Amino acid sequence: MEDKEFRIDEIYVPVKRQKTLDPKKVMELAESILEEGLKIPIQVRQGKGRWVLVEGAHRLEACRSLGEETITGVLVRARQH
């Protein structure tokens, strides 16, 4: 699979993933990303006219909190949950 850049504002985060976000973990990841960059790309799937987050909610929110406009991700085939 090939990494590609996705616009953060075009990625939909399912409600159940939003509920599991830990603000402390997001902050720690943001600090790590500032120092070392994003080590593991997020995973997204094609939804109905949008990208849907599969894995990487904390990484996505950390990059969003840093003001990033894009994030590295992998397009995967995944079933809708």
PDB file of N, CA and C in Angstrom:
ATOM      1  N   MET A   1       0.839  -1.183   0.000  1.00  0.00           N
ATOM      2  CA  MET A   1       0.000   0.000   0.000  1.00  0.00           C
ATOM      3  C   MET A   1       0.882   1.243   0.000  1.00  0.00           C
ATOM      4  N   GLU A   2       0.404   2.235  -0.652  1.00  0.00           N
ATOM      5  CA  GLU A   2       1.175   3.463  -0.802  1.00  0.00           C
ATOM      6  C   GLU A   2       0.589   4.577   0.061  1.00  0.00           C
ATOM      7  N   ASP A   3       1.474   5.285   0.763  1.00  0.00           N
ATOM      8  CA  ASP A   3       1.044   6.431   1.558  1.00  0.00           C
ATOM      9  C   ASP A   3       0.683   7.583   0.628  1.00  0.00           C
ATOM     10  N   LYS A   4      -0.327   8.361   1.019  1.00  0.00           N
ATOM     11  CA  LYS A   4      -0.666   9.559   0.267  1.00  0.00           C
ATOM     12  C   LYS A   4      -1.141  10.626   1.244  1.00  0.00           C
ATOM     13  N   GLU A   5      -1.248  11.828   0.785  1.00  0.00           N
ATOM     14  CA  GLU A   5      -1.683  12.943   1.620  1.00  0.00           C
ATOM     15  C   GLU A   5      -3.189  13.140   1.473  1.00  0.00           C
ATOM     16  N   PHE A   6      -3.850  13.321   2.617  1.00  0.00           N
ATOM     17  CA  PHE A   6      -5.286  13.589   2.651  1.00  0.00           C
ATOM     18  C   PHE A   6      -5.509  14.922   3.348  1.00  0.00           C
ATOM     19  N   ARG A   7      -6.452  15.707   2.847  1.00  0.00           N
ATOM     20  CA  ARG A   7      -6.811  16.957   3.515  1.00  0.00           C
ATOM     21  C   ARG A   7      -7.565  16.603   4.796  1.00  0.00           C
ATOM     22  N   ILE A   8      -7.099  17.147   5.909  1.00  0.00           N
ATOM     23  CA  ILE A   8      -7.695  16.847   7.201  1.00  0.00           C
ATOM     24  C   ILE A   8      -9.166  17.230   7.243  1.00  0.00           C
ATOM     25  N   ASP A   9      -9.517  18.358   6.643  1.00  0.00           N
ATOM     26  CA  ASP A   9     -10.909  18.803   6.696  1.00  0.00           C
ATOM     27  C   ASP A   9     -11.844  17.975   5.811  1.00  0.00           C
ATOM     28  N   GLU A  10     -11.292  17.044   5.037  1.00  0.00           N
ATOM     29  CA  GLU A  10     -12.108  16.182   4.189  1.00  0.00           C
ATOM     30  C   GLU A  10     -12.268  14.775   4.767  1.00  0.00           C
ATOM     31  N   ILE A  11     -11.782  14.560   5.991  1.00  0.00           N
ATOM     32  CA  ILE A  11     -11.865  13.248   6.620  1.00  0.00           C
ATOM     33  C   ILE A  11     -12.974  13.257   7.667  1.00  0.00           C
ATOM     34  N   TYR A  12     -13.920  12.349   7.497  1.00  0.00           N
ATOM     35  CA  TYR A  12     -15.025  12.205   8.447  1.00  0.00           C
ATOM     36  C   TYR A  12     -14.600  11.229   9.543  1.00  0.00           C
ATOM     37  N   VAL A  13     -14.820  11.629  10.794  1.00  0.00           N
ATOM     38  CA  VAL A  13     -14.523  10.770  11.932  1.00  0.00           C
ATOM     39  C   VAL A  13     -15.847  10.260  12.496  1.00  0.00           C
ATOM     40  N   PRO A  14     -16.078   8.942  12.426  1.00  0.00           N
ATOM     41  CA  PRO A  14     -17.323   8.392  12.968  1.00  0.00           C
ATOM     42  C   PRO A  14     -17.511   8.751  14.441  1.00  0.00           C
ATOM     43  N   VAL A  15     -18.749   8.936  14.842  1.00  0.00           N
ATOM     44  CA  VAL A  15     -19.078   9.366  16.204  1.00  0.00           C
ATOM     45  C   VAL A  15     -18.464   8.450  17.256  1.00  0.00           C
ATOM     46  N   LYS A  16     -18.514   7.141  17.031  1.00  0.00           N
ATOM     47  CA  LYS A  16     -17.961   6.232  18.046  1.00  0.00           C
ATOM     48  C   LYS A  16     -16.454   6.410  18.217  1.00  0.00           C
ATOM     49  N   ARG A  17     -15.763   6.836  17.171  1.00  0.00           N
ATOM     50  CA  ARG A  17     -14.321   7.111  17.297  1.00  0.00           C
ATOM     51  C   ARG A  17     -14.095   8.441  18.025  1.00  0.00           C
ATOM     52  N   GLN A  18     -14.969   9.409  17.796  1.00  0.00           N
ATOM     53  CA  GLN A  18     -14.845  10.696  18.478  1.00  0.00           C
ATOM     54  C   GLN A  18     -14.987  10.527  19.982  1.00  0.00           C
ATOM     55  N   LYS A  19     -15.866   9.624  20.402  1.00  0.00           N
ATOM     56  CA  LYS A  19     -16.132   9.426  21.825  1.00  0.00           C
ATOM     57  C   LYS A  19     -14.961   8.798  22.569  1.00  0.00           C
ATOM     58  N   THR A  20     -14.052   8.134  21.847  1.00  0.00           N
ATOM     59  CA  THR A  20     -12.937   7.455  22.504  1.00  0.00           C
ATOM     60  C   THR A  20     -11.674   8.309  22.577  1.00  0.00           C
ATOM     61  N   LEU A  21     -11.749   9.544  22.105  1.00  0.00           N
ATOM     62  CA  LEU A  21     -10.562  10.400  22.109  1.00  0.00           C
ATOM     63  C   LEU A  21     -10.153  10.792  23.534  1.00  0.00           C
ATOM     64  N   ASP A  22      -8.871  10.660  23.807  1.00  0.00           N
ATOM     65  CA  ASP A  22      -8.289  11.041  25.091  1.00  0.00           C
ATOM     66  C   ASP A  22      -7.467  12.312  24.855  1.00  0.00           C
ATOM     67  N   PRO A  23      -7.919  13.461  25.378  1.00  0.00           N
ATOM     68  CA  PRO A  23      -7.217  14.729  25.138  1.00  0.00           C
ATOM     69  C   PRO A  23      -5.738  14.694  25.540  1.00  0.00           C
ATOM     70  N   LYS A  24      -5.420  13.979  26.598  1.00  0.00           N
ATOM     71  CA  LYS A  24      -4.024  13.882  27.042  1.00  0.00           C
ATOM     72  C   LYS A  24      -3.178  13.153  25.993  1.00  0.00           C
ATOM     73  N   LYS A  25      -3.719  12.077  25.448  1.00  0.00           N
ATOM     74  CA  LYS A  25      -3.004  11.319  24.420  1.00  0.00           C
ATOM     75  C   LYS A  25      -2.832  12.158  23.155  1.00  0.00           C
ATOM     76  N   VAL A  26      -3.858  12.936  22.803  1.00  0.00           N
ATOM     77  CA  VAL A  26      -3.761  13.814  21.634  1.00  0.00           C
ATOM     78  C   VAL A  26      -2.626  14.819  21.824  1.00  0.00           C
ATOM     79  N   MET A  27      -2.536  15.415  23.016  1.00  0.00           N
ATOM     80  CA  MET A  27      -1.489  16.390  23.304  1.00  0.00           C
ATOM     81  C   MET A  27      -0.094  15.744  23.235  1.00  0.00           C
ATOM     82  N   GLU A  28       0.035  14.549  23.809  1.00  0.00           N
ATOM     83  CA  GLU A  28       1.328  13.856  23.778  1.00  0.00           C
ATOM     84  C   GLU A  28       1.735  13.515  22.344  1.00  0.00           C
ATOM     85  N   LEU A  29       0.781  13.064  21.560  1.00  0.00           N
ATOM     86  CA  LEU A  29       1.068  12.762  20.154  1.00  0.00           C
ATOM     87  C   LEU A  29       1.451  14.021  19.379  1.00  0.00           C
ATOM     88  N   ALA A  30       0.772  15.124  19.654  1.00  0.00           N
ATOM     89  CA  ALA A  30       1.094  16.386  18.971  1.00  0.00           C
ATOM     90  C   ALA A  30       2.540  16.786  19.264  1.00  0.00           C
ATOM     91  N   GLU A  31       2.962  16.643  20.510  1.00  0.00           N
ATOM     92  CA  GLU A  31       4.353  16.963  20.861  1.00  0.00           C
ATOM     93  C   GLU A  31       5.328  16.037  20.131  1.00  0.00           C
ATOM     94  N   SER A  32       5.003  14.758  20.079  1.00  0.00           N
ATOM     95  CA  SER A  32       5.848  13.788  19.385  1.00  0.00           C
ATOM     96  C   SER A  32       5.922  14.089  17.890  1.00  0.00           C
ATOM     97  N   ILE A  33       4.789  14.444  17.294  1.00  0.00           N
ATOM     98  CA  ILE A  33       4.762  14.763  15.865  1.00  0.00           C
ATOM     99  C   ILE A  33       5.595  16.004  15.577  1.00  0.00           C
ATOM    100  N   LEU A  34       5.550  16.984  16.466  1.00  0.00           N
ATOM    101  CA  LEU A  34       6.382  18.183  16.289  1.00  0.00           C
ATOM    102  C   LEU A  34       7.866  17.835  16.297  1.00  0.00           C
ATOM    103  N   GLU A  35       8.253  16.945  17.195  1.00  0.00           N
ATOM    104  CA  GLU A  35       9.669  16.588  17.351  1.00  0.00           C
ATOM    105  C   GLU A  35      10.150  15.592  16.303  1.00  0.00           C
ATOM    106  N   GLU A  36       9.322  14.595  15.978  1.00  0.00           N
ATOM    107  CA  GLU A  36       9.788  13.482  15.159  1.00  0.00           C
ATOM    108  C   GLU A  36       8.994  13.252  13.880  1.00  0.00           C
ATOM    109  N   GLY A  37       7.904  13.976  13.700  1.00  0.00           N
ATOM    110  CA  GLY A  37       7.048  13.758  12.543  1.00  0.00           C
ATOM    111  C   GLY A  37       6.077  12.621  12.794  1.00  0.00           C
ATOM    112  N   LEU A  38       5.153  12.454  11.885  1.00  0.00           N
ATOM    113  CA  LEU A  38       4.148  11.399  11.987  1.00  0.00           C
ATOM    114  C   LEU A  38       4.801  10.079  11.595  1.00  0.00           C
ATOM    115  N   LYS A  39       4.868   9.143  12.529  1.00  0.00           N
ATOM    116  CA  LYS A  39       5.557   7.876  12.285  1.00  0.00           C
ATOM    117  C   LYS A  39       4.683   6.843  11.587  1.00  0.00           C
ATOM    118  N   ILE A  40       3.402   6.798  11.952  1.00  0.00           N
ATOM    119  CA  ILE A  40       2.494   5.790  11.409  1.00  0.00           C
ATOM    120  C   ILE A  40       1.335   6.501  10.721  1.00  0.00           C
ATOM    121  N   PRO A  41       1.130   6.232   9.431  1.00  0.00           N
ATOM    122  CA  PRO A  41       0.026   6.904   8.737  1.00  0.00           C
ATOM    123  C   PRO A  41      -1.333   6.436   9.255  1.00  0.00           C
ATOM    124  N   ILE A  42      -2.320   7.308   9.122  1.00  0.00           N
ATOM    125  CA  ILE A  42      -3.692   6.930   9.469  1.00  0.00           C
ATOM    126  C   ILE A  42      -4.232   6.033   8.357  1.00  0.00           C
ATOM    127  N   GLN A  43      -5.378   5.414   8.598  1.00  0.00           N
ATOM    128  CA  GLN A  43      -6.040   4.613   7.579  1.00  0.00           C
ATOM    129  C   GLN A  43      -7.416   5.206   7.313  1.00  0.00           C
ATOM    130  N   VAL A  44      -7.728   5.376   6.040  1.00  0.00           N
ATOM    131  CA  VAL A  44      -9.042   5.881   5.640  1.00  0.00           C
ATOM    132  C   VAL A  44      -9.616   4.976   4.566  1.00  0.00           C
ATOM    133  N   ARG A  45     -10.931   5.013   4.448  1.00  0.00           N
ATOM    134  CA  ARG A  45     -11.613   4.296   3.372  1.00  0.00           C
ATOM    135  C   ARG A  45     -12.470   5.296   2.614  1.00  0.00           C
ATOM    136  N   GLN A  46     -12.842   4.919   1.407  1.00  0.00           N
ATOM    137  CA  GLN A  46     -13.725   5.766   0.608  1.00  0.00           C
ATOM    138  C   GLN A  46     -15.145   5.595   1.116  1.00  0.00           C
ATOM    139  N   GLY A  47     -15.785   6.691   1.464  1.00  0.00           N
ATOM    140  CA  GLY A  47     -17.182   6.673   1.875  1.00  0.00           C
ATOM    141  C   GLY A  47     -18.018   7.251   0.754  1.00  0.00           C
ATOM    142  N   LYS A  48     -19.212   7.628   1.062  1.00  0.00           N
ATOM    143  CA  LYS A  48     -20.093   8.242   0.060  1.00  0.00           C
ATOM    144  C   LYS A  48     -19.700   9.708  -0.114  1.00  0.00           C
ATOM    145  N   GLY A  49     -18.816   9.938  -1.052  1.00  0.00           N
ATOM    146  CA  GLY A  49     -18.386  11.295  -1.353  1.00  0.00           C
ATOM    147  C   GLY A  49     -17.417  11.899  -0.346  1.00  0.00           C
ATOM    148  N   ARG A  50     -16.811  11.060   0.499  1.00  0.00           N
ATOM    149  CA  ARG A  50     -15.864  11.574   1.490  1.00  0.00           C
ATOM    150  C   ARG A  50     -14.937  10.452   1.945  1.00  0.00           C
ATOM    151  N   TRP A  51     -13.864  10.840   2.615  1.00  0.00           N
ATOM    152  CA  TRP A  51     -12.960   9.880   3.245  1.00  0.00           C
ATOM    153  C   TRP A  51     -13.477   9.618   4.652  1.00  0.00           C
ATOM    154  N   VAL A  52     -13.421   8.375   5.083  1.00  0.00           N
ATOM    155  CA  VAL A  52     -13.880   8.001   6.418  1.00  0.00           C
ATOM    156  C   VAL A  52     -12.702   7.401   7.177  1.00  0.00           C
ATOM    157  N   LEU A  53     -12.460   7.898   8.375  1.00  0.00           N
ATOM    158  CA  LEU A  53     -11.358   7.405   9.196  1.00  0.00           C
ATOM    159  C   LEU A  53     -11.622   5.967   9.631  1.00  0.00           C
ATOM    160  N   VAL A  54     -10.621   5.098   9.460  1.00  0.00           N
ATOM    161  CA  VAL A  54     -10.697   3.713   9.907  1.00  0.00           C
ATOM    162  C   VAL A  54      -9.834   3.546  11.160  1.00  0.00           C
ATOM    163  N   GLU A  55      -8.600   4.033  11.112  1.00  0.00           N
ATOM    164  CA  GLU A  55      -7.675   3.964  12.242  1.00  0.00           C
ATOM    165  C   GLU A  55      -6.864   5.251  12.318  1.00  0.00           C
ATOM    166  N   GLY A  56      -6.611   5.712  13.544  1.00  0.00           N
ATOM    167  CA  GLY A  56      -5.731   6.858  13.719  1.00  0.00           C
ATOM    168  C   GLY A  56      -6.415   8.124  14.212  1.00  0.00           C
ATOM    169  N   ALA A  57      -7.474   7.987  14.999  1.00  0.00           N
ATOM    170  CA  ALA A  57      -8.211   9.167  15.468  1.00  0.00           C
ATOM    171  C   ALA A  57      -7.323  10.107  16.280  1.00  0.00           C
ATOM    172  N   HIS A  58      -6.498   9.565  17.167  1.00  0.00           N
ATOM    173  CA  HIS A  58      -5.641  10.423  17.986  1.00  0.00           C
ATOM    174  C   HIS A  58      -4.587  11.133  17.126  1.00  0.00           C
ATOM    175  N   ARG A  59      -4.029  10.419  16.150  1.00  0.00           N
ATOM    176  CA  ARG A  59      -3.040  11.045  15.255  1.00  0.00           C
ATOM    177  C   ARG A  59      -3.686  12.150  14.428  1.00  0.00           C
ATOM    178  N   LEU A  60      -4.904  11.899  13.938  1.00  0.00           N
ATOM    179  CA  LEU A  60      -5.622  12.903  13.151  1.00  0.00           C
ATOM    180  C   LEU A  60      -5.887  14.151  13.994  1.00  0.00           C
ATOM    181  N   GLU A  61      -6.389  13.963  15.205  1.00  0.00           N
ATOM    182  CA  GLU A  61      -6.686  15.111  16.070  1.00  0.00           C
ATOM    183  C   GLU A  61      -5.425  15.842  16.494  1.00  0.00           C
ATOM    184  N   ALA A  62      -4.327  15.112  16.685  1.00  0.00           N
ATOM    185  CA  ALA A  62      -3.059  15.756  17.040  1.00  0.00           C
ATOM    186  C   ALA A  62      -2.593  16.660  15.900  1.00  0.00           C
ATOM    187  N   CYS A  63      -2.666  16.166  14.668  1.00  0.00           N
ATOM    188  CA  CYS A  63      -2.269  16.986  13.523  1.00  0.00           C
ATOM    189  C   CYS A  63      -3.211  18.171  13.349  1.00  0.00           C
ATOM    190  N   ARG A  64      -4.503  17.953  13.578  1.00  0.00           N
ATOM    191  CA  ARG A  64      -5.478  19.055  13.490  1.00  0.00           C
ATOM    192  C   ARG A  64      -5.134  20.130  14.526  1.00  0.00           C
ATOM    193  N   SER A  65      -4.777  19.705  15.747  1.00  0.00           N
ATOM    194  CA  SER A  65      -4.461  20.664  16.811  1.00  0.00           C
ATOM    195  C   SER A  65      -3.193  21.458  16.503  1.00  0.00           C
ATOM    196  N   LEU A  66      -2.323  20.891  15.675  1.00  0.00           N
ATOM    197  CA  LEU A  66      -1.095  21.586  15.281  1.00  0.00           C
ATOM    198  C   LEU A  66      -1.322  22.536  14.104  1.00  0.00           C
ATOM    199  N   GLY A  67      -2.550  22.546  13.584  1.00  0.00           N
ATOM    200  CA  GLY A  67      -2.863  23.429  12.471  1.00  0.00           C
ATOM    201  C   GLY A  67      -2.479  22.868  11.114  1.00  0.00           C
ATOM    202  N   GLU A  68      -2.196  21.583  11.069  1.00  0.00           N
ATOM    203  CA  GLU A  68      -1.841  20.954   9.793  1.00  0.00           C
ATOM    204  C   GLU A  68      -3.076  20.915   8.879  1.00  0.00           C
ATOM    205  N   GLU A  69      -2.855  21.032   7.586  1.00  0.00           N
ATOM    206  CA  GLU A  69      -3.947  20.965   6.622  1.00  0.00           C
ATOM    207  C   GLU A  69      -4.050  19.586   5.993  1.00  0.00           C
ATOM    208  N   THR A  70      -2.944  18.842   5.973  1.00  0.00           N
ATOM    209  CA  THR A  70      -2.945  17.499   5.393  1.00  0.00           C
ATOM    210  C   THR A  70      -2.316  16.520   6.375  1.00  0.00           C
ATOM    211  N   ILE A  71      -2.583  15.231   6.134  1.00  0.00           N
ATOM    212  CA  ILE A  71      -2.012  14.172   6.951  1.00  0.00           C
ATOM    213  C   ILE A  71      -1.711  12.987   6.039  1.00  0.00           C
ATOM    214  N   THR A  72      -0.644  12.271   6.364  1.00  0.00           N
ATOM    215  CA  THR A  72      -0.286  11.088   5.612  1.00  0.00           C
ATOM    216  C   THR A  72      -1.200   9.933   5.999  1.00  0.00           C
ATOM    217  N   GLY A  73      -1.717   9.249   5.007  1.00  0.00           N
ATOM    218  CA  GLY A  73      -2.603   8.134   5.273  1.00  0.00           C
ATOM    219  C   GLY A  73      -2.511   7.058   4.214  1.00  0.00           C
ATOM    220  N   VAL A  74      -3.170   5.960   4.505  1.00  0.00           N
ATOM    221  CA  VAL A  74      -3.249   4.834   3.587  1.00  0.00           C
ATOM    222  C   VAL A  74      -4.714   4.584   3.280  1.00  0.00           C
ATOM    223  N   LEU A  75      -5.021   4.443   2.005  1.00  0.00           N
ATOM    224  CA  LEU A  75      -6.392   4.136   1.608  1.00  0.00           C
ATOM    225  C   LEU A  75      -6.571   2.620   1.696  1.00  0.00           C
ATOM    226  N   VAL A  76      -7.533   2.200   2.506  1.00  0.00           N
ATOM    227  CA  VAL A  76      -7.779   0.765   2.712  1.00  0.00           C
ATOM    228  C   VAL A  76      -9.188   0.411   2.290  1.00  0.00           C
ATOM    229  N   ARG A  77      -9.382  -0.863   2.045  1.00  0.00           N
ATOM    230  CA  ARG A  77     -10.737  -1.372   1.800  1.00  0.00           C
ATOM    231  C   ARG A  77     -11.228  -1.892   3.133  1.00  0.00           C
ATOM    232  N   ALA A  78     -12.287  -1.311   3.620  1.00  0.00           N
ATOM    233  CA  ALA A  78     -12.840  -1.721   4.922  1.00  0.00           C
ATOM    234  C   ALA A  78     -14.350  -1.671   4.855  1.00  0.00           C
ATOM    235  N   ARG A  79     -14.960  -2.548   5.607  1.00  0.00           N
ATOM    236  CA  ARG A  79     -16.423  -2.544   5.682  1.00  0.00           C
ATOM    237  C   ARG A  79     -16.879  -1.354   6.510  1.00  0.00           C
ATOM    238  N   GLN A  80     -18.097  -0.900   6.217  1.00  0.00           N
ATOM    239  CA  GLN A  80     -18.691   0.140   7.040  1.00  0.00           C
ATOM    240  C   GLN A  80     -19.046  -0.470   8.374  1.00  0.00           C
ATOM    241  N   HIS A  81     -18.873   0.294   9.429  1.00  0.00           N
ATOM    242  CA  HIS A  81     -19.192  -0.196  10.780  1.00  0.00           C
ATOM    243  C   HIS A  81     -20.535   0.311  11.198  1.00  0.00           C
TER     244      HIS A  81
END
